[in-house]
Amino acid sequence: MIVVLQRVTRAAVSVGGETVGVIDRGLCLLVCGVVGDAEADADWLAEKVAGLRVFEDTDGRTNLALHDVGGAVLVVPQFTLAADVRKGRRPSFVAAAAPEHGRALTERFAAGLRRAGLLVEEGVFGADMSVELANDGPFTLIIDSSVRPG
């Protein structure tokens, strides 16, 4: 699975003009399941994201995690993260997980974040969404479960 993590002061996602998820301080997570991903990938990513120290302490160092700052999470499914643009000019999405598998992985990831005690808002899998966010920093990370240790 691939996650693009963005530290935000506010983020919202809407479908058809209706807001379906909104958070204040926290993380906006663009999430994509890829072919070959398993439940263990979603579980590992949820645990990793929940514990990442990406918020600044009083000394300006990134020593604080979501729990420490009372942050929330906005999970936005985005299969286009699996795009292969090496050939031609049109991206290929064959590496993206099949829709039902991708949905299950995204749901498991969000559930893992909730089990970690986090407030989680979500976009709608497969929908045409509009995402608004105020990137804090900006602070953006790309996390790929295929390159995790062990």
N, C-alpha and C. Protein backbone atom coordinates (compact mmCIF):
# COMPACT_ATOMS: atom_id res chain seq x y z
N MET A 1 0.85 -1.18 0.00
CA MET A 1 0.00 0.00 0.00
C MET A 1 0.88 1.23 0.00
N ILE A 2 0.34 2.27 -0.57
CA ILE A 2 1.03 3.54 -0.63
C ILE A 2 0.18 4.57 0.10
N VAL A 3 0.84 5.37 0.94
CA VAL A 3 0.17 6.46 1.63
C VAL A 3 0.98 7.73 1.42
N VAL A 4 0.29 8.78 0.98
CA VAL A 4 0.88 10.11 0.97
C VAL A 4 0.31 10.82 2.19
N LEU A 5 1.19 11.14 3.13
CA LEU A 5 0.81 11.74 4.40
C LEU A 5 1.11 13.23 4.33
N GLN A 6 0.11 14.03 4.63
CA GLN A 6 0.28 15.48 4.67
C GLN A 6 -0.19 16.01 6.02
N ARG A 7 0.72 16.69 6.71
CA ARG A 7 0.35 17.32 7.98
C ARG A 7 -0.47 18.55 7.64
N VAL A 8 -1.62 18.70 8.28
CA VAL A 8 -2.55 19.77 7.93
C VAL A 8 -3.05 20.51 9.16
N THR A 9 -3.48 21.74 8.93
CA THR A 9 -4.19 22.48 9.96
C THR A 9 -5.69 22.32 9.78
N ARG A 10 -6.08 21.90 8.56
CA ARG A 10 -7.49 21.62 8.24
C ARG A 10 -7.53 20.85 6.95
N ALA A 11 -8.47 19.92 6.83
CA ALA A 11 -8.67 19.20 5.58
C ALA A 11 -10.14 18.77 5.50
N ALA A 12 -10.64 18.73 4.27
CA ALA A 12 -12.02 18.33 4.05
C ALA A 12 -12.12 17.62 2.71
N VAL A 13 -13.06 16.70 2.63
CA VAL A 13 -13.33 16.01 1.38
C VAL A 13 -14.84 16.05 1.13
N SER A 14 -15.19 16.32 -0.12
CA SER A 14 -16.60 16.37 -0.47
C SER A 14 -16.86 15.55 -1.72
N VAL A 15 -18.09 15.10 -1.83
CA VAL A 15 -18.57 14.33 -2.98
C VAL A 15 -19.85 15.00 -3.46
N GLY A 16 -19.86 15.39 -4.73
CA GLY A 16 -21.05 16.04 -5.28
C GLY A 16 -21.44 17.31 -4.54
N GLY A 17 -20.46 18.03 -4.03
CA GLY A 17 -20.73 19.28 -3.33
C GLY A 17 -21.10 19.11 -1.87
N GLU A 18 -21.20 17.87 -1.40
CA GLU A 18 -21.54 17.62 0.00
C GLU A 18 -20.30 17.14 0.76
N THR A 19 -19.99 17.82 1.87
CA THR A 19 -18.84 17.45 2.68
C THR A 19 -19.11 16.11 3.35
N VAL A 20 -18.18 15.16 3.17
CA VAL A 20 -18.34 13.83 3.77
C VAL A 20 -17.31 13.58 4.87
N GLY A 21 -16.29 14.42 4.96
CA GLY A 21 -15.29 14.28 6.00
C GLY A 21 -14.53 15.57 6.17
N VAL A 22 -14.29 15.96 7.42
CA VAL A 22 -13.54 17.18 7.70
C VAL A 22 -12.78 17.03 9.01
N ILE A 23 -11.56 17.52 9.04
CA ILE A 23 -10.76 17.51 10.27
C ILE A 23 -10.09 18.87 10.42
N ASP A 24 -9.69 19.15 11.64
CA ASP A 24 -8.83 20.29 11.89
C ASP A 24 -7.40 19.75 11.95
N ARG A 25 -6.62 20.12 12.91
CA ARG A 25 -5.21 19.71 12.98
C ARG A 25 -5.08 18.19 12.92
N GLY A 26 -4.19 17.74 12.06
CA GLY A 26 -3.97 16.31 11.94
C GLY A 26 -3.27 15.94 10.66
N LEU A 27 -3.70 14.81 10.09
CA LEU A 27 -3.07 14.28 8.89
C LEU A 27 -4.12 14.00 7.82
N CYS A 28 -3.84 14.44 6.60
CA CYS A 28 -4.62 14.05 5.44
C CYS A 28 -3.83 12.94 4.77
N LEU A 29 -4.46 11.78 4.61
CA LEU A 29 -3.79 10.60 4.08
C LEU A 29 -4.43 10.17 2.77
N LEU A 30 -3.67 10.25 1.68
CA LEU A 30 -4.11 9.71 0.40
C LEU A 30 -3.65 8.26 0.39
N VAL A 31 -4.56 7.32 0.15
CA VAL A 31 -4.29 5.90 0.35
C VAL A 31 -4.59 5.09 -0.90
N CYS A 32 -3.65 4.18 -1.24
CA CYS A 32 -3.82 3.35 -2.43
C CYS A 32 -3.35 1.92 -2.15
N GLY A 33 -4.23 0.97 -2.41
CA GLY A 33 -3.83 -0.44 -2.38
C GLY A 33 -3.28 -0.82 -3.74
N VAL A 34 -2.26 -1.65 -3.74
CA VAL A 34 -1.67 -2.10 -5.00
C VAL A 34 -1.74 -3.62 -5.09
N VAL A 35 -1.58 -4.12 -6.31
CA VAL A 35 -1.61 -5.57 -6.54
C VAL A 35 -0.59 -6.24 -5.62
N GLY A 36 -1.02 -7.29 -4.95
CA GLY A 36 -0.13 -8.03 -4.06
C GLY A 36 -0.20 -7.61 -2.61
N ASP A 37 -0.90 -6.50 -2.32
CA ASP A 37 -1.03 -6.07 -0.93
C ASP A 37 -1.92 -7.04 -0.16
N ALA A 38 -1.61 -7.16 1.13
CA ALA A 38 -2.38 -8.04 2.01
C ALA A 38 -2.85 -7.23 3.22
N GLU A 39 -3.68 -7.85 4.04
CA GLU A 39 -4.16 -7.18 5.25
C GLU A 39 -3.00 -6.72 6.13
N ALA A 40 -1.91 -7.48 6.14
CA ALA A 40 -0.74 -7.12 6.94
C ALA A 40 -0.17 -5.77 6.52
N ASP A 41 -0.28 -5.43 5.23
CA ASP A 41 0.19 -4.13 4.76
C ASP A 41 -0.65 -3.00 5.36
N ALA A 42 -1.96 -3.18 5.36
CA ALA A 42 -2.86 -2.17 5.93
C ALA A 42 -2.62 -2.03 7.43
N ASP A 43 -2.43 -3.15 8.11
CA ASP A 43 -2.19 -3.12 9.55
C ASP A 43 -0.88 -2.42 9.89
N TRP A 44 0.18 -2.75 9.14
CA TRP A 44 1.48 -2.14 9.38
C TRP A 44 1.42 -0.63 9.15
N LEU A 45 0.78 -0.22 8.05
CA LEU A 45 0.67 1.21 7.75
C LEU A 45 -0.12 1.96 8.82
N ALA A 46 -1.21 1.38 9.28
CA ALA A 46 -2.01 2.04 10.32
C ALA A 46 -1.19 2.23 11.59
N GLU A 47 -0.47 1.20 11.98
CA GLU A 47 0.37 1.30 13.18
C GLU A 47 1.49 2.33 12.98
N LYS A 48 2.10 2.32 11.81
CA LYS A 48 3.18 3.26 11.50
C LYS A 48 2.67 4.70 11.54
N VAL A 49 1.58 4.97 10.85
CA VAL A 49 1.04 6.33 10.79
C VAL A 49 0.61 6.81 12.17
N ALA A 50 -0.06 5.95 12.93
CA ALA A 50 -0.55 6.34 14.25
C ALA A 50 0.59 6.76 15.18
N GLY A 51 1.75 6.17 15.01
CA GLY A 51 2.86 6.47 15.91
C GLY A 51 3.89 7.44 15.39
N LEU A 52 3.77 7.86 14.14
CA LEU A 52 4.78 8.75 13.57
C LEU A 52 4.82 10.09 14.31
N ARG A 53 6.03 10.51 14.63
CA ARG A 53 6.22 11.80 15.30
C ARG A 53 6.50 12.85 14.24
N VAL A 54 5.44 13.49 13.79
CA VAL A 54 5.54 14.46 12.69
C VAL A 54 5.06 15.86 13.08
N PHE A 55 4.74 16.03 14.35
CA PHE A 55 4.31 17.35 14.83
C PHE A 55 5.39 17.93 15.72
N GLU A 56 5.52 19.25 15.66
CA GLU A 56 6.59 19.93 16.38
C GLU A 56 6.28 20.11 17.85
N ASP A 57 7.34 19.94 18.67
CA ASP A 57 7.24 20.23 20.09
C ASP A 57 7.58 21.70 20.32
N THR A 58 7.70 22.11 21.57
CA THR A 58 7.96 23.51 21.87
C THR A 58 9.34 23.97 21.40
N ASP A 59 10.23 23.03 21.12
CA ASP A 59 11.56 23.37 20.61
C ASP A 59 11.62 23.36 19.08
N GLY A 60 10.48 23.10 18.43
CA GLY A 60 10.43 23.10 16.97
C GLY A 60 10.88 21.79 16.35
N ARG A 61 11.03 20.74 17.15
CA ARG A 61 11.46 19.43 16.64
C ARG A 61 10.24 18.54 16.46
N THR A 62 10.28 17.69 15.44
CA THR A 62 9.15 16.78 15.18
C THR A 62 9.25 15.60 16.14
N ASN A 63 8.76 15.81 17.35
CA ASN A 63 8.79 14.80 18.41
C ASN A 63 7.41 14.35 18.85
N LEU A 64 6.37 14.89 18.27
CA LEU A 64 5.02 14.59 18.73
C LEU A 64 4.22 13.83 17.68
N ALA A 65 3.43 12.87 18.16
CA ALA A 65 2.54 12.08 17.29
C ALA A 65 1.11 12.63 17.39
N LEU A 66 0.22 12.05 16.62
CA LEU A 66 -1.18 12.48 16.61
C LEU A 66 -1.80 12.52 18.01
N HIS A 67 -1.56 11.47 18.79
CA HIS A 67 -2.13 11.42 20.15
C HIS A 67 -1.65 12.59 20.99
N ASP A 68 -0.39 12.97 20.81
CA ASP A 68 0.19 14.04 21.62
C ASP A 68 -0.42 15.40 21.34
N VAL A 69 -0.90 15.61 20.12
CA VAL A 69 -1.45 16.91 19.74
C VAL A 69 -2.97 16.90 19.62
N GLY A 70 -3.60 15.77 19.91
CA GLY A 70 -5.05 15.68 19.77
C GLY A 70 -5.50 15.77 18.33
N GLY A 71 -4.66 15.27 17.41
CA GLY A 71 -4.95 15.36 15.99
C GLY A 71 -5.91 14.30 15.48
N ALA A 72 -6.45 14.55 14.32
CA ALA A 72 -7.38 13.64 13.65
C ALA A 72 -6.80 13.23 12.31
N VAL A 73 -7.49 12.33 11.64
CA VAL A 73 -7.02 11.80 10.36
C VAL A 73 -8.15 11.86 9.33
N LEU A 74 -7.80 12.28 8.12
CA LEU A 74 -8.73 12.22 6.99
C LEU A 74 -8.15 11.23 5.99
N VAL A 75 -8.82 10.11 5.79
CA VAL A 75 -8.37 9.07 4.87
C VAL A 75 -9.10 9.25 3.54
N VAL A 76 -8.30 9.45 2.48
CA VAL A 76 -8.86 9.68 1.15
C VAL A 76 -8.36 8.59 0.21
N PRO A 77 -9.23 7.66 -0.23
CA PRO A 77 -8.80 6.63 -1.18
C PRO A 77 -8.38 7.28 -2.50
N GLN A 78 -7.22 6.85 -3.03
CA GLN A 78 -6.74 7.44 -4.28
C GLN A 78 -5.92 6.42 -5.07
N PHE A 79 -6.59 5.68 -5.93
CA PHE A 79 -5.93 4.62 -6.69
C PHE A 79 -4.87 5.16 -7.64
N THR A 80 -4.94 6.44 -7.99
CA THR A 80 -3.98 6.99 -8.94
C THR A 80 -2.55 7.04 -8.40
N LEU A 81 -2.38 6.81 -7.12
CA LEU A 81 -1.02 6.74 -6.56
C LEU A 81 -0.25 5.56 -7.14
N ALA A 82 -0.94 4.59 -7.69
CA ALA A 82 -0.29 3.42 -8.28
C ALA A 82 0.10 3.63 -9.74
N ALA A 83 -0.04 4.84 -10.23
CA ALA A 83 0.21 5.12 -11.65
C ALA A 83 1.64 4.79 -12.06
N ASP A 84 1.75 4.23 -13.25
CA ASP A 84 3.05 3.99 -13.88
C ASP A 84 3.12 4.93 -15.08
N VAL A 85 4.07 5.85 -15.05
CA VAL A 85 4.18 6.84 -16.12
C VAL A 85 5.48 6.68 -16.91
N ARG A 86 6.11 5.52 -16.79
CA ARG A 86 7.40 5.31 -17.46
C ARG A 86 7.29 5.29 -18.98
N LYS A 87 6.20 4.80 -19.51
CA LYS A 87 6.03 4.70 -20.97
C LYS A 87 4.91 5.61 -21.44
N GLY A 88 5.13 6.24 -22.55
CA GLY A 88 4.08 7.06 -23.16
C GLY A 88 3.71 8.26 -22.33
N ARG A 89 2.52 8.79 -22.63
CA ARG A 89 2.06 9.99 -21.94
C ARG A 89 0.78 9.75 -21.14
N ARG A 90 0.22 8.56 -21.23
CA ARG A 90 -0.99 8.24 -20.47
C ARG A 90 -0.60 7.30 -19.33
N PRO A 91 -0.92 7.67 -18.08
CA PRO A 91 -0.58 6.79 -16.96
C PRO A 91 -1.29 5.45 -17.06
N SER A 92 -0.60 4.41 -16.61
CA SER A 92 -1.19 3.08 -16.51
C SER A 92 -1.49 2.82 -15.04
N PHE A 93 -2.65 2.24 -14.78
CA PHE A 93 -3.05 1.96 -13.41
C PHE A 93 -3.17 0.47 -13.13
N VAL A 94 -2.49 -0.36 -13.92
CA VAL A 94 -2.59 -1.81 -13.74
C VAL A 94 -2.02 -2.27 -12.41
N ALA A 95 -1.18 -1.47 -11.77
CA ALA A 95 -0.61 -1.86 -10.48
C ALA A 95 -1.57 -1.62 -9.32
N ALA A 96 -2.63 -0.85 -9.55
CA ALA A 96 -3.61 -0.59 -8.50
C ALA A 96 -4.38 -1.87 -8.19
N ALA A 97 -4.69 -2.06 -6.92
CA ALA A 97 -5.48 -3.22 -6.52
C ALA A 97 -6.85 -3.16 -7.20
N ALA A 98 -7.44 -4.32 -7.47
CA ALA A 98 -8.80 -4.36 -8.00
C ALA A 98 -9.71 -3.61 -7.02
N PRO A 99 -10.76 -2.98 -7.53
CA PRO A 99 -11.60 -2.13 -6.67
C PRO A 99 -12.04 -2.75 -5.35
N GLU A 100 -12.57 -3.95 -5.37
CA GLU A 100 -13.05 -4.55 -4.12
C GLU A 100 -11.91 -4.81 -3.14
N HIS A 101 -10.76 -5.24 -3.66
CA HIS A 101 -9.60 -5.47 -2.79
C HIS A 101 -9.07 -4.14 -2.26
N GLY A 102 -9.00 -3.14 -3.12
CA GLY A 102 -8.55 -1.81 -2.70
C GLY A 102 -9.46 -1.22 -1.64
N ARG A 103 -10.76 -1.40 -1.81
CA ARG A 103 -11.72 -0.91 -0.81
C ARG A 103 -11.51 -1.62 0.52
N ALA A 104 -11.35 -2.94 0.49
CA ALA A 104 -11.15 -3.70 1.73
C ALA A 104 -9.86 -3.27 2.44
N LEU A 105 -8.81 -3.05 1.68
CA LEU A 105 -7.54 -2.61 2.28
C LEU A 105 -7.68 -1.23 2.91
N THR A 106 -8.34 -0.32 2.21
CA THR A 106 -8.53 1.03 2.73
C THR A 106 -9.38 1.00 3.99
N GLU A 107 -10.43 0.21 3.99
CA GLU A 107 -11.29 0.09 5.17
C GLU A 107 -10.53 -0.50 6.35
N ARG A 108 -9.69 -1.49 6.09
CA ARG A 108 -8.89 -2.10 7.16
C ARG A 108 -7.88 -1.09 7.71
N PHE A 109 -7.27 -0.32 6.83
CA PHE A 109 -6.33 0.72 7.24
C PHE A 109 -7.03 1.73 8.17
N ALA A 110 -8.18 2.23 7.75
CA ALA A 110 -8.93 3.20 8.55
C ALA A 110 -9.35 2.59 9.89
N ALA A 111 -9.76 1.33 9.88
CA ALA A 111 -10.15 0.65 11.12
C ALA A 111 -8.95 0.51 12.06
N GLY A 112 -7.78 0.26 11.50
CA GLY A 112 -6.57 0.17 12.32
C GLY A 112 -6.25 1.49 12.99
N LEU A 113 -6.46 2.59 12.28
CA LEU A 113 -6.25 3.91 12.87
C LEU A 113 -7.25 4.15 14.00
N ARG A 114 -8.49 3.72 13.80
CA ARG A 114 -9.50 3.86 14.86
C ARG A 114 -9.15 3.01 16.07
N ARG A 115 -8.66 1.78 15.82
CA ARG A 115 -8.25 0.92 16.94
C ARG A 115 -7.11 1.56 17.74
N ALA A 116 -6.31 2.38 17.08
CA ALA A 116 -5.22 3.09 17.76
C ALA A 116 -5.75 4.29 18.55
N GLY A 117 -7.06 4.48 18.52
CA GLY A 117 -7.67 5.54 19.31
C GLY A 117 -7.77 6.89 18.61
N LEU A 118 -7.61 6.89 17.30
CA LEU A 118 -7.64 8.14 16.55
C LEU A 118 -9.03 8.44 16.00
N LEU A 119 -9.33 9.73 15.89
CA LEU A 119 -10.54 10.17 15.21
C LEU A 119 -10.26 10.11 13.72
N VAL A 120 -11.08 9.35 12.98
CA VAL A 120 -10.84 9.14 11.55
C VAL A 120 -12.08 9.55 10.77
N GLU A 121 -11.87 10.44 9.80
CA GLU A 121 -12.89 10.80 8.82
C GLU A 121 -12.45 10.18 7.50
N GLU A 122 -13.39 9.93 6.59
CA GLU A 122 -13.04 9.26 5.34
C GLU A 122 -13.73 9.86 4.13
N GLY A 123 -13.03 9.73 3.00
CA GLY A 123 -13.64 10.01 1.72
C GLY A 123 -14.46 8.80 1.30
N VAL A 124 -14.95 8.80 0.08
CA VAL A 124 -15.79 7.72 -0.42
C VAL A 124 -15.03 6.97 -1.51
N PHE A 125 -14.78 5.70 -1.28
CA PHE A 125 -14.02 4.88 -2.22
C PHE A 125 -14.73 4.88 -3.58
N GLY A 126 -13.99 5.15 -4.63
CA GLY A 126 -14.51 5.11 -5.99
C GLY A 126 -15.27 6.34 -6.43
N ALA A 127 -15.46 7.29 -5.52
CA ALA A 127 -16.22 8.50 -5.87
C ALA A 127 -15.29 9.56 -6.46
N ASP A 128 -15.88 10.48 -7.19
CA ASP A 128 -15.17 11.66 -7.67
C ASP A 128 -15.20 12.65 -6.51
N MET A 129 -14.06 12.84 -5.86
CA MET A 129 -13.99 13.65 -4.65
C MET A 129 -13.25 14.96 -4.89
N SER A 130 -13.59 15.93 -4.08
CA SER A 130 -12.88 17.19 -4.04
C SER A 130 -12.24 17.29 -2.65
N VAL A 131 -10.92 17.48 -2.64
CA VAL A 131 -10.19 17.54 -1.37
C VAL A 131 -9.63 18.94 -1.20
N GLU A 132 -9.90 19.52 -0.05
CA GLU A 132 -9.33 20.82 0.31
C GLU A 132 -8.48 20.61 1.55
N LEU A 133 -7.29 21.24 1.55
CA LEU A 133 -6.47 21.12 2.75
C LEU A 133 -5.55 22.32 2.89
N ALA A 134 -5.17 22.57 4.13
CA ALA A 134 -4.17 23.57 4.44
C ALA A 134 -2.96 22.79 4.95
N ASN A 135 -1.98 22.60 4.05
CA ASN A 135 -0.79 21.83 4.38
C ASN A 135 0.04 22.61 5.38
N ASP A 136 0.40 21.98 6.47
CA ASP A 136 1.12 22.61 7.56
C ASP A 136 2.61 22.34 7.41
N GLY A 137 3.36 23.32 7.04
CA GLY A 137 4.81 23.17 6.90
C GLY A 137 5.33 23.75 5.60
N PRO A 138 5.08 23.19 4.48
CA PRO A 138 4.40 21.90 4.26
C PRO A 138 5.24 20.72 4.74
N PHE A 139 4.54 19.72 5.19
CA PHE A 139 5.17 18.50 5.69
C PHE A 139 4.46 17.34 5.02
N THR A 140 5.14 16.69 4.08
CA THR A 140 4.55 15.61 3.29
C THR A 140 5.49 14.43 3.24
N LEU A 141 4.98 13.23 3.49
CA LEU A 141 5.77 12.00 3.42
C LEU A 141 5.08 11.01 2.50
N ILE A 142 5.86 10.16 1.86
CA ILE A 142 5.32 9.04 1.09
C ILE A 142 5.77 7.77 1.79
N ILE A 143 4.80 6.93 2.14
CA ILE A 143 5.09 5.69 2.85
C ILE A 143 4.59 4.53 2.00
N ASP A 144 5.45 3.56 1.75
CA ASP A 144 5.14 2.41 0.89
C ASP A 144 5.36 1.15 1.70
N SER A 145 4.32 0.38 1.91
CA SER A 145 4.44 -0.83 2.73
C SER A 145 5.34 -1.89 2.07
N SER A 146 5.56 -1.77 0.77
CA SER A 146 6.41 -2.77 0.10
C SER A 146 7.88 -2.61 0.46
N VAL A 147 8.25 -1.51 1.07
CA VAL A 147 9.65 -1.31 1.44
C VAL A 147 9.84 -1.28 2.95
N ARG A 148 8.88 -1.86 3.68
CA ARG A 148 9.01 -1.89 5.14
C ARG A 148 10.06 -2.91 5.54
N PRO A 149 10.67 -2.73 6.68
CA PRO A 149 11.68 -3.68 7.14
C PRO A 149 11.07 -5.03 7.50
N GLY A 150 11.85 -6.05 7.33
CA GLY A 150 11.50 -7.41 7.73
C GLY A 150 10.20 -7.86 7.28
